[in-house]
């Protein structure tokens, strides 16, 4: 391709089964629909940073495609853009992308790792669930997500809506970006293979049953203990530590003294479960210690519940009413 090409129109190279070698030029802005559909001998594709839009089914049924580089600059990925690319093992979508149309990765049956800026069609649409990217028009149609997919990394989201990973029962590892503030209800419901998750320090609330039935969870990694304790978990199965056995801080065990932040008035469900803390410093305004908060803290020796004046006085008031 020469430098002056700005667009490749619909179906230009469709069915060119012997095509193996091409170098898309910087300056190219649009790859329209079906352009390389059925080009089964293509192995590597590098989409230049000048490309803004990748059309629907642009690389559909490119069964030999193993390596795709999508550079920063692309904004739209069309429906079925990589449908049936059965040799793709991992794929990274850059943060410049604002829309990923339904079924963009449909039938990528050997995909093991996916990195995307958000889940679903866009940051603000109603179709904010993983299965949408693989062709499902309802969040419950989780069968569209390939069984091979094990790791999902989110890089630029501000929230995870309800049911985003609903019953994605083959995924083992999910990494969430700093900047996400809310996780909706049932977000990871019945992700029964999920073993590890990274929780950003920016999370402020987690909806009901967000981690319901994630009974294989082993490890939760956080980046800030104070912010972790400030999260408003709707119920016990909102907190991944209800199932997980180990809470790590930047990959390391949580040890020694924990000072409960002044802004925390209730210590969340299972929030410090199985940690290696030895002492807890409470403040006067705490009103509740929720279920399992210090469960399994076998090194914990030093704490004084008498400092919890509001907790004590409210408990006394309840007893008097009885």
C-alpha atoms as a PDB file:
ATOM      1  CA  UNK A   1       0.000   0.000   0.000  1.00  0.00           C
ATOM      2  CA  UNK A   2       1.218   3.527  -0.693  1.00  0.00           C
ATOM      3  CA  UNK A   3       1.013   6.439   1.709  1.00  0.00           C
ATOM      4  CA  UNK A   4      -1.951   8.219   0.107  1.00  0.00           C
ATOM      5  CA  UNK A   5      -4.562   5.524   0.655  1.00  0.00           C
ATOM      6  CA  UNK A   6      -7.190   6.673   3.199  1.00  0.00           C
ATOM      7  CA  UNK A   7      -9.856   3.982   2.814  1.00  0.00           C
ATOM      8  CA  UNK A   8     -10.188   0.333   1.806  1.00  0.00           C
ATOM      9  CA  UNK A   9     -13.738  -0.189   0.652  1.00  0.00           C
ATOM     10  CA  UNK A  10     -16.129  -3.035   1.329  1.00  0.00           C
ATOM     11  CA  UNK A  11     -14.969  -6.508   0.346  1.00  0.00           C
ATOM     12  CA  UNK A  12     -11.847  -5.318  -1.482  1.00  0.00           C
ATOM     13  CA  UNK A  13      -9.815  -8.459  -0.706  1.00  0.00           C
ATOM     14  CA  UNK A  14     -12.598 -10.800   0.372  1.00  0.00           C
ATOM     15  CA  UNK A  15     -11.798 -14.449  -0.265  1.00  0.00           C
ATOM     16  CA  UNK A  16      -8.164 -13.885  -1.292  1.00  0.00           C
ATOM     17  CA  UNK A  17      -7.158 -17.183   0.273  1.00  0.00           C
ATOM     18  CA  UNK A  18      -3.505 -16.979  -0.792  1.00  0.00           C
ATOM     19  CA  UNK A  19      -2.926 -13.473   0.575  1.00  0.00           C
ATOM     20  CA  UNK A  20      -0.269 -13.596   3.296  1.00  0.00           C
ATOM     21  CA  UNK A  21       1.767 -10.407   3.181  1.00  0.00           C
ATOM     22  CA  UNK A  22       0.629  -6.784   3.302  1.00  0.00           C
ATOM     23  CA  UNK A  23       1.628  -3.637   5.152  1.00  0.00           C
ATOM     24  CA  UNK A  24      -1.177  -1.177   5.855  1.00  0.00           C
ATOM     25  CA  UNK A  25      -0.019   2.417   5.475  1.00  0.00           C
ATOM     26  CA  UNK A  26      -0.049   5.204   8.045  1.00  0.00           C
ATOM     27  CA  UNK A  27      -2.657   7.617   6.794  1.00  0.00           C
ATOM     28  CA  UNK A  28      -5.218   4.881   6.252  1.00  0.00           C
ATOM     29  CA  UNK A  29      -8.355   5.912   8.163  1.00  0.00           C
ATOM     30  CA  UNK A  30     -11.083   3.386   7.386  1.00  0.00           C
ATOM     31  CA  UNK A  31     -11.167  -0.337   6.742  1.00  0.00           C
ATOM     32  CA  UNK A  32     -14.723  -1.035   5.623  1.00  0.00           C
ATOM     33  CA  UNK A  33     -16.789  -4.192   6.083  1.00  0.00           C
ATOM     34  CA  UNK A  34     -15.703  -7.614   4.726  1.00  0.00           C
ATOM     35  CA  UNK A  35     -12.398  -6.236   3.415  1.00  0.00           C
ATOM     36  CA  UNK A  36     -10.304  -9.284   4.364  1.00  0.00           C
ATOM     37  CA  UNK A  37     -13.089 -11.788   5.050  1.00  0.00           C
ATOM     38  CA  UNK A  38     -12.023 -15.356   4.351  1.00  0.00           C
ATOM     39  CA  UNK A  39      -8.348 -14.525   3.825  1.00  0.00           C
ATOM     40  CA  UNK A  40      -7.357 -17.733   5.568  1.00  0.00           C
ATOM     41  CA  UNK A  41      -3.595 -17.401   4.988  1.00  0.00           C
ATOM     42  CA  UNK A  42      -3.151 -14.101   6.828  1.00  0.00           C
ATOM     43  CA  UNK A  43      -1.135 -14.638  10.008  1.00  0.00           C
ATOM     44  CA  UNK A  44      -0.193 -11.141  11.237  1.00  0.00           C
ATOM     45  CA  UNK A  45      -2.086  -7.850  11.093  1.00  0.00           C
ATOM     46  CA  UNK A  46      -0.888  -4.444  12.301  1.00  0.00           C
ATOM     47  CA  UNK A  47      -3.617  -1.792  12.219  1.00  0.00           C
ATOM     48  CA  UNK A  48      -1.959   1.655  11.918  1.00  0.00           C
ATOM     49  CA  UNK A  49      -2.691   4.341  14.488  1.00  0.00           C
ATOM     50  CA  UNK A  50      -4.296   6.453  11.769  1.00  0.00           C
ATOM     51  CA  UNK A  51      -7.162   3.967  11.364  1.00  0.00           C
ATOM     52  CA  UNK A  52     -10.283   5.253  13.125  1.00  0.00           C
ATOM     53  CA  UNK A  53     -12.820   2.603  12.166  1.00  0.00           C
ATOM     54  CA  UNK A  54     -12.609  -1.121  11.523  1.00  0.00           C
ATOM     55  CA  UNK A  55     -15.691  -2.290   9.662  1.00  0.00           C
ATOM     56  CA  UNK A  56     -18.006  -5.186  10.393  1.00  0.00           C
ATOM     57  CA  UNK A  57     -16.625  -8.633   9.496  1.00  0.00           C
ATOM     58  CA  UNK A  58     -13.407  -6.965   8.287  1.00  0.00           C
ATOM     59  CA  UNK A  59     -11.346 -10.034   9.240  1.00  0.00           C
ATOM     60  CA  UNK A  60     -14.157 -12.560   9.542  1.00  0.00           C
ATOM     61  CA  UNK A  61     -13.108 -16.190   9.048  1.00  0.00           C
ATOM     62  CA  UNK A  62      -9.406 -15.366   8.815  1.00  0.00           C
ATOM     63  CA  UNK A  63      -8.750 -18.745  10.373  1.00  0.00           C
ATOM     64  CA  UNK A  64      -4.935 -18.470  10.231  1.00  0.00           C
ATOM     65  CA  UNK A  65      -4.761 -15.092  11.956  1.00  0.00           C
ATOM     66  CA  UNK A  66      -2.680 -15.461  15.117  1.00  0.00           C
ATOM     67  CA  UNK A  67      -1.384 -11.972  15.844  1.00  0.00           C
ATOM     68  CA  UNK A  68      -3.340  -8.698  15.775  1.00  0.00           C
ATOM     69  CA  UNK A  69      -1.927  -5.312  16.792  1.00  0.00           C
ATOM     70  CA  UNK A  70      -4.531  -2.599  17.276  1.00  0.00           C
ATOM     71  CA  UNK A  71      -2.708   0.683  17.822  1.00  0.00           C
ATOM     72  CA  UNK A  72      -3.903   3.677  19.840  1.00  0.00           C
ATOM     73  CA  UNK A  73      -6.063   5.809  17.586  1.00  0.00           C
ATOM     74  CA  UNK A  74      -8.723   3.339  16.534  1.00  0.00           C
ATOM     75  CA  UNK A  75     -12.164   4.289  17.880  1.00  0.00           C
ATOM     76  CA  UNK A  76     -14.691   1.801  16.516  1.00  0.00           C
ATOM     77  CA  UNK A  77     -14.575  -1.976  16.041  1.00  0.00           C
ATOM     78  CA  UNK A  78     -17.408  -3.251  13.883  1.00  0.00           C
ATOM     79  CA  UNK A  79     -19.752  -6.162  14.433  1.00  0.00           C
ATOM     80  CA  UNK A  80     -18.072  -9.482  13.699  1.00  0.00           C
ATOM     81  CA  UNK A  81     -14.763  -7.759  12.917  1.00  0.00           C
ATOM     82  CA  UNK A  82     -12.782 -10.813  14.059  1.00  0.00           C
ATOM     83  CA  UNK A  83     -15.559 -13.382  13.947  1.00  0.00           C
ATOM     84  CA  UNK A  84     -14.312 -16.916  13.434  1.00  0.00           C
ATOM     85  CA  UNK A  85     -10.632 -16.042  13.912  1.00  0.00           C
ATOM     86  CA  UNK A  86     -10.043 -19.399  15.551  1.00  0.00           C
ATOM     87  CA  UNK A  87      -6.249 -19.073  15.777  1.00  0.00           C
ATOM     88  CA  UNK A  88      -6.278 -15.894  17.896  1.00  0.00           C
ATOM     89  CA  UNK A  89      -4.872 -16.647  21.344  1.00  0.00           C
ATOM     90  CA  UNK A  90      -4.743 -13.181  22.889  1.00  0.00           C
ATOM     91  CA  UNK A  91      -6.006  -9.763  21.887  1.00  0.00           C
ATOM     92  CA  UNK A  92      -5.487  -6.256  23.272  1.00  0.00           C
ATOM     93  CA  UNK A  93      -7.901  -3.450  22.439  1.00  0.00           C
ATOM     94  CA  UNK A  94      -6.432   0.034  23.118  1.00  0.00           C
ATOM     95  CA  UNK A  95      -8.035   2.694  25.306  1.00  0.00           C
ATOM     96  CA  UNK A  96      -8.774   4.896  22.291  1.00  0.00           C
ATOM     97  CA  UNK A  97     -11.631   2.543  21.341  1.00  0.00           C
ATOM     98  CA  UNK A  98     -15.038   3.937  22.308  1.00  0.00           C
ATOM     99  CA  UNK A  99     -17.354   1.347  20.724  1.00  0.00           C
ATOM    100  CA  UNK A 100     -17.099  -2.405  20.250  1.00  0.00           C
ATOM    101  CA  UNK A 101     -20.056  -3.705  18.271  1.00  0.00           C
ATOM    102  CA  UNK A 102     -21.916  -6.928  18.964  1.00  0.00           C
ATOM    103  CA  UNK A 103     -20.038 -10.108  18.157  1.00  0.00           C
ATOM    104  CA  UNK A 104     -16.744  -8.394  17.348  1.00  0.00           C
ATOM    105  CA  UNK A 105     -14.926 -11.467  18.703  1.00  0.00           C
ATOM    106  CA  UNK A 106     -17.621 -14.058  18.038  1.00  0.00           C
ATOM    107  CA  UNK A 107     -16.331 -17.555  17.401  1.00  0.00           C
ATOM    108  CA  UNK A 108     -12.770 -16.839  18.554  1.00  0.00           C
ATOM    109  CA  UNK A 109     -12.838 -20.255  20.134  1.00  0.00           C
ATOM    110  CA  UNK A 110      -9.177 -20.412  21.199  1.00  0.00           C
ATOM    111  CA  UNK A 111      -8.906 -16.947  22.738  1.00  0.00           C
ATOM    112  CA  UNK A 112      -7.333 -17.277  26.197  1.00  0.00           C
ATOM    113  CA  UNK A 113      -6.590 -13.649  27.116  1.00  0.00           C
ATOM    114  CA  UNK A 114      -8.546 -10.487  26.323  1.00  0.00           C
ATOM    115  CA  UNK A 115      -7.632  -6.908  27.247  1.00  0.00           C
ATOM    116  CA  UNK A 116     -10.333  -4.289  26.667  1.00  0.00           C
ATOM    117  CA  UNK A 117     -10.930  -0.726  27.894  1.00  0.00           C
ATOM    118  CA  UNK A 118     -14.468  -1.573  29.066  1.00  0.00           C
ATOM    119  CA  UNK A 119     -17.037  -4.376  28.989  1.00  0.00           C
ATOM    120  CA  UNK A 120     -19.729  -4.441  26.296  1.00  0.00           C
ATOM    121  CA  UNK A 121     -20.599  -1.940  23.563  1.00  0.00           C
ATOM    122  CA  UNK A 122     -19.360   1.250  25.223  1.00  0.00           C
ATOM    123  CA  UNK A 123     -18.858   2.971  28.567  1.00  0.00           C
ATOM    124  CA  UNK A 124     -22.410   4.332  28.615  1.00  0.00           C
ATOM    125  CA  UNK A 125     -24.598   1.870  26.711  1.00  0.00           C
ATOM    126  CA  UNK A 126     -27.037  -0.629  28.204  1.00  0.00           C
ATOM    127  CA  UNK A 127     -25.166  -3.537  26.614  1.00  0.00           C
ATOM    128  CA  UNK A 128     -22.370  -3.592  29.174  1.00  0.00           C
ATOM    129  CA  UNK A 129     -21.757  -7.317  29.528  1.00  0.00           C
ATOM    130  CA  UNK A 130     -18.903  -9.477  28.276  1.00  0.00           C
ATOM    131  CA  UNK A 131     -21.014 -11.886  26.233  1.00  0.00           C
ATOM    132  CA  UNK A 132     -22.131  -8.968  24.010  1.00  0.00           C
ATOM    133  CA  UNK A 133     -18.644  -8.778  22.526  1.00  0.00           C
ATOM    134  CA  UNK A 134     -18.985 -12.420  21.532  1.00  0.00           C
ATOM    135  CA  UNK A 135     -22.420 -12.133  19.918  1.00  0.00           C
ATOM    136  CA  UNK A 136     -24.990 -12.404  22.729  1.00  0.00           C
ATOM    137  CA  UNK A 137     -27.894  -9.968  22.778  1.00  0.00           C
ATOM    138  CA  UNK A 138     -28.693 -10.780  26.423  1.00  0.00           C
ATOM    139  CA  UNK A 139     -26.354 -10.972  29.407  1.00  0.00           C
ATOM    140  CA  UNK A 140     -27.611 -14.436  30.344  1.00  0.00           C
ATOM    141  CA  UNK A 141     -26.436 -15.928  27.042  1.00  0.00           C
ATOM    142  CA  UNK A 142     -23.016 -16.592  28.512  1.00  0.00           C
ATOM    143  CA  UNK A 143     -22.465 -19.576  26.210  1.00  0.00           C
ATOM    144  CA  UNK A 144     -21.193 -17.157  23.557  1.00  0.00           C
ATOM    145  CA  UNK A 145     -18.073 -16.481  25.640  1.00  0.00           C
ATOM    146  CA  UNK A 146     -15.425 -19.006  24.517  1.00  0.00           C
ATOM    147  CA  UNK A 147     -14.577 -21.748  26.973  1.00  0.00           C
ATOM    148  CA  UNK A 148     -10.907 -21.057  26.283  1.00  0.00           C
ATOM    149  CA  UNK A 149     -11.011 -17.531  27.758  1.00  0.00           C
ATOM    150  CA  UNK A 150      -9.180 -17.501  31.109  1.00  0.00           C
ATOM    151  CA  UNK A 151      -7.932 -13.941  31.702  1.00  0.00           C
ATOM    152  CA  UNK A 152      -9.750 -10.643  31.183  1.00  0.00           C
ATOM    153  CA  UNK A 153      -8.067  -7.295  31.842  1.00  0.00           C
ATOM    154  CA  UNK A 154     -10.097  -4.072  31.951  1.00  0.00           C
ATOM    155  CA  UNK A 155      -7.984  -0.969  31.352  1.00  0.00           C
ATOM    156  CA  UNK A 156     -10.141   2.168  31.141  1.00  0.00           C
ATOM    157  CA  UNK A 157     -13.598   1.620  32.659  1.00  0.00           C
ATOM    158  CA  UNK A 158     -15.281   3.893  35.198  1.00  0.00           C
ATOM    159  CA  UNK A 159     -17.784   1.281  36.385  1.00  0.00           C
ATOM    160  CA  UNK A 160     -18.830  -2.328  35.953  1.00  0.00           C
ATOM    161  CA  UNK A 161     -22.564  -2.658  35.506  1.00  0.00           C
ATOM    162  CA  UNK A 162     -24.740  -5.416  36.882  1.00  0.00           C
ATOM    163  CA  UNK A 163     -24.257  -8.847  35.275  1.00  0.00           C
ATOM    164  CA  UNK A 164     -21.143  -7.779  33.350  1.00  0.00           C
ATOM    165  CA  UNK A 165     -19.509 -11.203  33.789  1.00  0.00           C
ATOM    166  CA  UNK A 166     -22.670 -13.128  34.650  1.00  0.00           C
ATOM    167  CA  UNK A 167     -21.939 -16.880  34.662  1.00  0.00           C
ATOM    168  CA  UNK A 168     -18.680 -16.532  32.749  1.00  0.00           C
ATOM    169  CA  UNK A 169     -17.730 -19.803  34.372  1.00  0.00           C
ATOM    170  CA  UNK A 170     -14.399 -20.485  32.643  1.00  0.00           C
ATOM    171  CA  UNK A 171     -12.571 -17.248  33.463  1.00  0.00           C
ATOM    172  CA  UNK A 172      -9.938 -17.700  36.183  1.00  0.00           C
ATOM    173  CA  UNK A 173      -8.380 -14.228  36.486  1.00  0.00           C
ATOM    174  CA  UNK A 174      -9.860 -10.726  36.209  1.00  0.00           C
ATOM    175  CA  UNK A 175      -7.847  -7.504  36.518  1.00  0.00           C
ATOM    176  CA  UNK A 176      -9.704  -4.216  36.995  1.00  0.00           C
ATOM    177  CA  UNK A 177      -8.236  -0.788  36.294  1.00  0.00           C
ATOM    178  CA  UNK A 178      -7.775   2.067  38.741  1.00  0.00           C
ATOM    179  CA  UNK A 179     -10.617   4.490  38.061  1.00  0.00           C
ATOM    180  CA  UNK A 180     -13.495   2.062  38.414  1.00  0.00           C
ATOM    181  CA  UNK A 181     -15.725   3.353  41.205  1.00  0.00           C
ATOM    182  CA  UNK A 182     -18.675   0.954  41.298  1.00  0.00           C
ATOM    183  CA  UNK A 183     -19.305  -2.737  40.742  1.00  0.00           C
ATOM    184  CA  UNK A 184     -22.961  -3.577  40.150  1.00  0.00           C
ATOM    185  CA  UNK A 185     -25.061  -6.396  41.513  1.00  0.00           C
ATOM    186  CA  UNK A 186     -24.398  -9.905  40.190  1.00  0.00           C
ATOM    187  CA  UNK A 187     -21.414  -8.599  38.229  1.00  0.00           C
ATOM    188  CA  UNK A 188     -19.378 -11.788  38.682  1.00  0.00           C
ATOM    189  CA  UNK A 189     -22.266 -14.005  39.694  1.00  0.00           C
ATOM    190  CA  UNK A 190     -21.439 -17.690  39.321  1.00  0.00           C
ATOM    191  CA  UNK A 191     -18.006 -17.173  37.824  1.00  0.00           C
ATOM    192  CA  UNK A 192     -17.269 -20.576  39.260  1.00  0.00           C
ATOM    193  CA  UNK A 193     -13.703 -20.840  37.915  1.00  0.00           C
ATOM    194  CA  UNK A 194     -12.611 -17.387  39.062  1.00  0.00           C
ATOM    195  CA  UNK A 195      -9.552 -17.793  41.285  1.00  0.00           C
ATOM    196  CA  UNK A 196      -8.006 -14.340  41.441  1.00  0.00           C
ATOM    197  CA  UNK A 197      -9.120 -10.730  41.161  1.00  0.00           C
ATOM    198  CA  UNK A 198      -7.457  -7.325  41.542  1.00  0.00           C
ATOM    199  CA  UNK A 199      -9.645  -4.709  43.251  1.00  0.00           C
ATOM    200  CA  UNK A 200      -8.707  -1.061  42.482  1.00  0.00           C
ATOM    201  CA  UNK A 201      -8.379   1.499  45.271  1.00  0.00           C
ATOM    202  CA  UNK A 202     -10.977   3.690  43.531  1.00  0.00           C
ATOM    203  CA  UNK A 203     -13.883   1.316  44.208  1.00  0.00           C
ATOM    204  CA  UNK A 204     -16.454   2.870  46.567  1.00  0.00           C
ATOM    205  CA  UNK A 205     -19.402   0.464  46.359  1.00  0.00           C
ATOM    206  CA  UNK A 206     -20.170  -3.119  45.357  1.00  0.00           C
ATOM    207  CA  UNK A 207     -23.706  -4.313  44.618  1.00  0.00           C
ATOM    208  CA  UNK A 208     -25.523  -7.319  46.017  1.00  0.00           C
ATOM    209  CA  UNK A 209     -24.200 -10.779  45.156  1.00  0.00           C
ATOM    210  CA  UNK A 210     -21.515  -9.275  42.942  1.00  0.00           C
ATOM    211  CA  UNK A 211     -19.376 -12.347  43.702  1.00  0.00           C
ATOM    212  CA  UNK A 212     -22.210 -14.767  44.381  1.00  0.00           C
ATOM    213  CA  UNK A 213     -21.207 -18.429  43.989  1.00  0.00           C
ATOM    214  CA  UNK A 214     -17.603 -17.591  43.082  1.00  0.00           C
ATOM    215  CA  UNK A 215     -16.652 -20.547  45.230  1.00  0.00           C
ATOM    216  CA  UNK A 216     -13.211 -21.149  43.727  1.00  0.00           C
ATOM    217  CA  UNK A 217     -11.891 -17.685  44.547  1.00  0.00           C
ATOM    218  CA  UNK A 218      -8.527 -17.995  46.255  1.00  0.00           C
ATOM    219  CA  UNK A 219      -6.854 -14.608  46.049  1.00  0.00           C
ATOM    220  CA  UNK A 220      -7.934 -10.961  46.260  1.00  0.00           C
ATOM    221  CA  UNK A 221      -5.276  -8.331  45.603  1.00  0.00           C
ATOM    222  CA  UNK A 222      -5.814  -4.741  46.769  1.00  0.00           C
ATOM    223  CA  UNK A 223      -3.638  -1.637  46.510  1.00  0.00           C
ATOM    224  CA  UNK A 224      -4.741   0.349  49.587  1.00  0.00           C
ATOM    225  CA  UNK A 225      -6.031  -1.007  52.918  1.00  0.00           C
ATOM    226  CA  UNK A 226      -7.791   2.227  53.959  1.00  0.00           C
ATOM    227  CA  UNK A 227      -9.744   2.450  50.720  1.00  0.00           C
ATOM    228  CA  UNK A 228     -10.567  -1.259  50.900  1.00  0.00           C
ATOM    229  CA  UNK A 229     -12.141  -0.759  54.327  1.00  0.00           C
ATOM    230  CA  UNK A 230     -14.169   2.217  53.038  1.00  0.00           C
ATOM    231  CA  UNK A 231     -15.949   0.174  50.339  1.00  0.00           C
ATOM    232  CA  UNK A 232     -19.691  -0.151  50.849  1.00  0.00           C
ATOM    233  CA  UNK A 233     -20.416  -3.848  50.287  1.00  0.00           C
ATOM    234  CA  UNK A 234     -24.155  -4.414  49.891  1.00  0.00           C
ATOM    235  CA  UNK A 235     -24.084  -7.892  51.450  1.00  0.00           C
ATOM    236  CA  UNK A 236     -21.562 -10.551  52.375  1.00  0.00           C
ATOM    237  CA  UNK A 237     -21.435 -12.003  48.856  1.00  0.00           C
ATOM    238  CA  UNK A 238     -20.592  -8.562  47.521  1.00  0.00           C
ATOM    239  CA  UNK A 239     -17.148  -9.012  49.050  1.00  0.00           C
ATOM    240  CA  UNK A 240     -14.893 -11.469  47.214  1.00  0.00           C
ATOM    241  CA  UNK A 241     -13.258 -12.305  50.541  1.00  0.00           C
ATOM    242  CA  UNK A 242     -16.426 -14.154  51.550  1.00  0.00           C
ATOM    243  CA  UNK A 243     -15.094 -16.954  49.323  1.00  0.00           C
ATOM    244  CA  UNK A 244     -11.383 -16.164  48.946  1.00  0.00           C
ATOM    245  CA  UNK A 245      -8.760 -17.422  51.365  1.00  0.00           C
ATOM    246  CA  UNK A 246      -6.084 -14.766  50.961  1.00  0.00           C
ATOM    247  CA  UNK A 247      -6.081 -10.970  50.868  1.00  0.00           C
ATOM    248  CA  UNK A 248      -2.887  -9.371  49.569  1.00  0.00           C
ATOM    249  CA  UNK A 249      -1.679  -5.774  49.486  1.00  0.00           C
ATOM    250  CA  UNK A 250       0.250  -5.164  46.264  1.00  0.00           C
ATOM    251  CA  UNK A 251       0.996  -8.863  46.144  1.00  0.00           C
ATOM    252  CA  UNK A 252       2.204  -9.131  49.741  1.00  0.00           C
ATOM    253  CA  UNK A 253       0.536 -10.418  52.947  1.00  0.00           C
ATOM    254  CA  UNK A 254      -1.142  -7.836  55.180  1.00  0.00           C
ATOM    255  CA  UNK A 255       0.735  -7.886  58.497  1.00  0.00           C
ATOM    256  CA  UNK A 256       1.091  -5.914  61.736  1.00  0.00           C
ATOM    257  CA  UNK A 257      -1.169  -3.112  62.906  1.00  0.00           C
ATOM    258  CA  UNK A 258      -4.288  -1.916  61.095  1.00  0.00           C
ATOM    259  CA  UNK A 259      -5.735   1.486  61.961  1.00  0.00           C
ATOM    260  CA  UNK A 260      -9.392   1.788  61.024  1.00  0.00           C
ATOM    261  CA  UNK A 261      -9.870   5.078  59.092  1.00  0.00           C
ATOM    262  CA  UNK A 262     -11.991   7.723  60.806  1.00  0.00           C
ATOM    263  CA  UNK A 263     -14.454   7.746  57.908  1.00  0.00           C
ATOM    264  CA  UNK A 264     -15.257   4.043  58.357  1.00  0.00           C
ATOM    265  CA  UNK A 265     -18.243   3.563  60.673  1.00  0.00           C
ATOM    266  CA  UNK A 266     -18.859  -0.086  59.847  1.00  0.00           C
ATOM    267  CA  UNK A 267     -16.090  -2.603  59.261  1.00  0.00           C
ATOM    268  CA  UNK A 268     -17.113  -4.514  56.129  1.00  0.00           C
ATOM    269  CA  UNK A 269     -18.002  -8.159  55.743  1.00  0.00           C
ATOM    270  CA  UNK A 270     -14.955 -10.461  55.705  1.00  0.00           C
ATOM    271  CA  UNK A 271     -12.744  -7.446  54.995  1.00  0.00           C
ATOM    272  CA  UNK A 272      -9.649  -8.632  56.881  1.00  0.00           C
ATOM    273  CA  UNK A 273     -10.324 -12.357  56.839  1.00  0.00           C
ATOM    274  CA  UNK A 274      -7.240 -14.601  57.169  1.00  0.00           C
ATOM    275  CA  UNK A 275      -4.802 -11.680  57.202  1.00  0.00           C
ATOM    276  CA  UNK A 276      -1.677 -11.691  59.346  1.00  0.00           C
ATOM    277  CA  UNK A 277      -2.611  -8.590  61.333  1.00  0.00           C
ATOM    278  CA  UNK A 278      -1.534  -8.510  64.986  1.00  0.00           C
ATOM    279  CA  UNK A 279      -3.448  -5.470  66.253  1.00  0.00           C
ATOM    280  CA  UNK A 280      -6.404  -3.260  65.347  1.00  0.00           C
ATOM    281  CA  UNK A 281      -6.867   0.372  66.379  1.00  0.00           C
ATOM    282  CA  UNK A 282     -10.544   1.298  66.509  1.00  0.00           C
ATOM    283  CA  UNK A 283     -12.008   4.801  66.751  1.00  0.00           C
ATOM    284  CA  UNK A 284     -15.059   6.035  68.656  1.00  0.00           C
ATOM    285  CA  UNK A 285     -17.473   6.366  65.731  1.00  0.00           C
ATOM    286  CA  UNK A 286     -17.640   2.741  64.633  1.00  0.00           C
ATOM    287  CA  UNK A 287     -21.214   1.452  64.893  1.00  0.00           C
ATOM    288  CA  UNK A 288     -20.895  -2.015  63.397  1.00  0.00           C
ATOM    289  CA  UNK A 289     -18.418  -4.811  62.806  1.00  0.00           C
ATOM    290  CA  UNK A 290     -19.948  -6.895  60.065  1.00  0.00           C
ATOM    291  CA  UNK A 291     -19.963 -10.650  59.670  1.00  0.00           C
ATOM    292  CA  UNK A 292     -16.583 -12.343  59.385  1.00  0.00           C
ATOM    293  CA  UNK A 293     -14.577  -9.108  59.438  1.00  0.00           C
ATOM    294  CA  UNK A 294     -11.645 -10.652  61.333  1.00  0.00           C
ATOM    295  CA  UNK A 295     -12.352 -14.321  60.666  1.00  0.00           C
ATOM    296  CA  UNK A 296      -9.214 -16.462  60.707  1.00  0.00           C
ATOM    297  CA  UNK A 297      -6.870 -13.687  61.914  1.00  0.00           C
ATOM    298  CA  UNK A 298      -4.788 -16.136  63.909  1.00  0.00           C
ATOM    299  CA  UNK A 299      -2.068 -13.589  64.755  1.00  0.00           C
ATOM    300  CA  UNK A 300      -4.479 -10.969  66.093  1.00  0.00           C
ATOM    301  CA  UNK A 301      -3.765 -10.338  69.793  1.00  0.00           C
ATOM    302  CA  UNK A 302      -4.251  -6.651  70.501  1.00  0.00           C
ATOM    303  CA  UNK A 303      -7.511  -4.716  70.224  1.00  0.00           C
ATOM    304  CA  UNK A 304      -9.823  -2.926  72.647  1.00  0.00           C
ATOM    305  CA  UNK A 305     -13.539  -3.050  71.930  1.00  0.00           C
ATOM    306  CA  UNK A 306     -14.150  -0.654  74.834  1.00  0.00           C
ATOM    307  CA  UNK A 307     -13.049   2.158  72.552  1.00  0.00           C
ATOM    308  CA  UNK A 308     -16.108   1.485  70.399  1.00  0.00           C
ATOM    309  CA  UNK A 309     -18.375   3.750  72.430  1.00  0.00           C
ATOM    310  CA  UNK A 310     -21.144   4.043  69.850  1.00  0.00           C
ATOM    311  CA  UNK A 311     -21.107   0.316  69.172  1.00  0.00           C
ATOM    312  CA  UNK A 312     -21.407  -0.431  72.908  1.00  0.00           C
ATOM    313  CA  UNK A 313     -24.081   2.186  73.596  1.00  0.00           C
ATOM    314  CA  UNK A 314     -26.231   1.078  70.658  1.00  0.00           C
ATOM    315  CA  UNK A 315     -25.963  -2.550  71.729  1.00  0.00           C
ATOM    316  CA  UNK A 316     -26.993  -1.587  75.268  1.00  0.00           C
ATOM    317  CA  UNK A 317     -29.973   0.334  73.872  1.00  0.00           C
ATOM    318  CA  UNK A 318     -31.091  -2.716  71.902  1.00  0.00           C
ATOM    319  CA  UNK A 319     -30.906  -4.900  75.003  1.00  0.00           C
ATOM    320  CA  UNK A 320     -32.992  -2.448  77.038  1.00  0.00           C
ATOM    321  CA  UNK A 321     -35.732  -2.523  74.377  1.00  0.00           C
ATOM    322  CA  UNK A 322     -35.875  -6.296  74.704  1.00  0.00           C
END
